Amino acid sequence: MDAYQIIKRPVITEKGTLLKEKGNFYIFEVEKTATKGQIKEAVETVFKVKVDKVNTVTLPGKARRAGKNMAEARGFKKAIVKLKAGDKIEIFEGV
């Protein structure tokens, strides 16, 4: 699997911004089938940084109401990536 297929998009939230400032953590939405090793390689390849640790969480889809019918929104997998000291990802710096 290609590194650009593994990393779908960055997740920018208030909690994620605090994690970035305090502990050099970055959060990404990733492919559901990706392993921690694949995520680590993908982040290192795409952003040219060294990854210290990867934690993942698979979030289920929430039930949504569409009139009288119930539908389920898609779930996703997110990766919380800790970088080595001194490394940073530039796309998050403008936030």
Protein backbone atom coordinates (compact mmCIF):
# COMPACT_ATOMS: atom_id res chain seq x y z
CA MET A 1 0.00 0.00 0.00
CA ASP A 2 1.26 3.47 -0.92
CA ALA A 3 2.10 5.95 1.85
CA TYR A 4 -0.37 8.47 0.41
CA GLN A 5 -3.15 5.86 0.54
CA ILE A 6 -2.44 5.08 4.21
CA ILE A 7 -2.58 8.69 5.45
CA LYS A 8 -5.94 10.17 4.42
CA ARG A 9 -5.94 13.55 6.17
CA PRO A 10 -4.77 15.34 9.31
CA VAL A 11 -7.29 15.66 12.14
CA ILE A 12 -7.17 19.19 13.50
CA THR A 13 -9.12 19.60 16.73
CA GLU A 14 -8.69 21.58 19.91
CA LYS A 15 -7.46 18.51 21.78
CA GLY A 16 -5.07 17.64 18.95
CA THR A 17 -3.61 21.15 18.99
CA LEU A 18 -2.97 20.89 22.74
CA LEU A 19 -1.27 17.51 22.24
CA LYS A 20 0.93 19.03 19.52
CA GLU A 21 2.03 21.88 21.79
CA LYS A 22 2.66 19.78 24.90
CA GLY A 23 4.06 16.53 23.61
CA ASN A 24 4.88 16.70 19.87
CA PHE A 25 1.87 14.49 18.95
CA TYR A 26 0.08 14.69 15.59
CA ILE A 27 -3.24 13.08 14.68
CA PHE A 28 -4.14 11.63 11.27
CA GLU A 29 -7.10 9.79 9.80
CA VAL A 30 -5.65 6.61 8.28
CA GLU A 31 -6.75 3.60 6.25
CA LYS A 32 -8.70 1.12 8.40
CA THR A 33 -6.52 -1.83 7.39
CA ALA A 34 -3.18 -0.09 8.05
CA THR A 35 -0.95 -1.40 10.83
CA LYS A 36 1.12 0.70 13.23
CA GLY A 37 4.29 -0.20 11.33
CA GLN A 38 2.80 0.87 8.00
CA ILE A 39 1.56 4.14 9.53
CA LYS A 40 5.03 4.85 10.95
CA GLU A 41 6.71 4.26 7.59
CA ALA A 42 4.10 6.37 5.77
CA VAL A 43 4.50 9.38 8.10
CA GLU A 44 8.30 9.16 7.90
CA THR A 45 8.17 8.95 4.09
CA VAL A 46 5.62 11.69 3.45
CA PHE A 47 6.78 14.27 6.02
CA LYS A 48 10.52 13.40 6.28
CA VAL A 49 10.49 13.12 10.09
CA LYS A 50 11.39 10.41 12.63
CA VAL A 51 8.46 8.76 14.43
CA ASP A 52 8.90 7.73 18.06
CA LYS A 53 5.55 6.04 18.72
CA VAL A 54 2.19 5.31 17.06
CA ASN A 55 -1.13 4.75 18.85
CA THR A 56 -4.30 3.90 16.92
CA VAL A 57 -8.02 4.13 17.66
CA THR A 58 -10.81 2.69 15.50
CA LEU A 59 -13.96 4.75 15.95
CA PRO A 60 -17.34 3.25 15.02
CA GLY A 61 -19.87 5.11 12.89
CA LYS A 62 -22.58 7.02 14.73
CA ALA A 63 -26.27 6.29 14.18
CA ARG A 64 -27.90 9.07 12.17
CA ARG A 65 -31.56 9.72 11.57
CA ALA A 66 -32.80 10.38 8.03
CA GLY A 67 -36.54 10.97 8.40
CA LYS A 68 -38.05 7.79 9.80
CA ASN A 69 -35.05 5.73 8.73
CA MET A 70 -31.86 5.18 10.68
CA ALA A 71 -28.55 5.25 8.87
CA GLU A 72 -25.03 4.74 10.11
CA ALA A 73 -22.30 7.28 9.38
CA ARG A 74 -18.98 5.78 8.40
CA GLY A 75 -16.47 4.93 11.10
CA PHE A 76 -12.77 5.67 10.75
CA LYS A 77 -9.37 4.87 12.18
CA LYS A 78 -7.15 7.59 13.58
CA ALA A 79 -3.49 7.43 14.44
CA ILE A 80 -1.84 9.51 17.15
CA VAL A 81 1.80 9.84 16.12
CA LYS A 82 4.56 11.03 18.46
CA LEU A 83 7.63 12.46 16.75
CA LYS A 84 11.19 12.43 18.01
CA ALA A 85 12.32 15.57 19.84
CA GLY A 86 13.18 18.40 17.48
CA ASP A 87 11.03 17.14 14.57
CA LYS A 88 7.84 18.87 13.50
CA ILE A 89 5.36 18.74 10.64
CA GLU A 90 5.02 22.06 8.83
CA ILE A 91 1.37 21.75 7.75
CA PHE A 92 0.27 21.95 11.38
CA GLU A 93 2.35 25.02 12.22
CA GLY A 94 -0.07 27.53 10.64
CA VAL A 95 -2.95 26.27 12.78
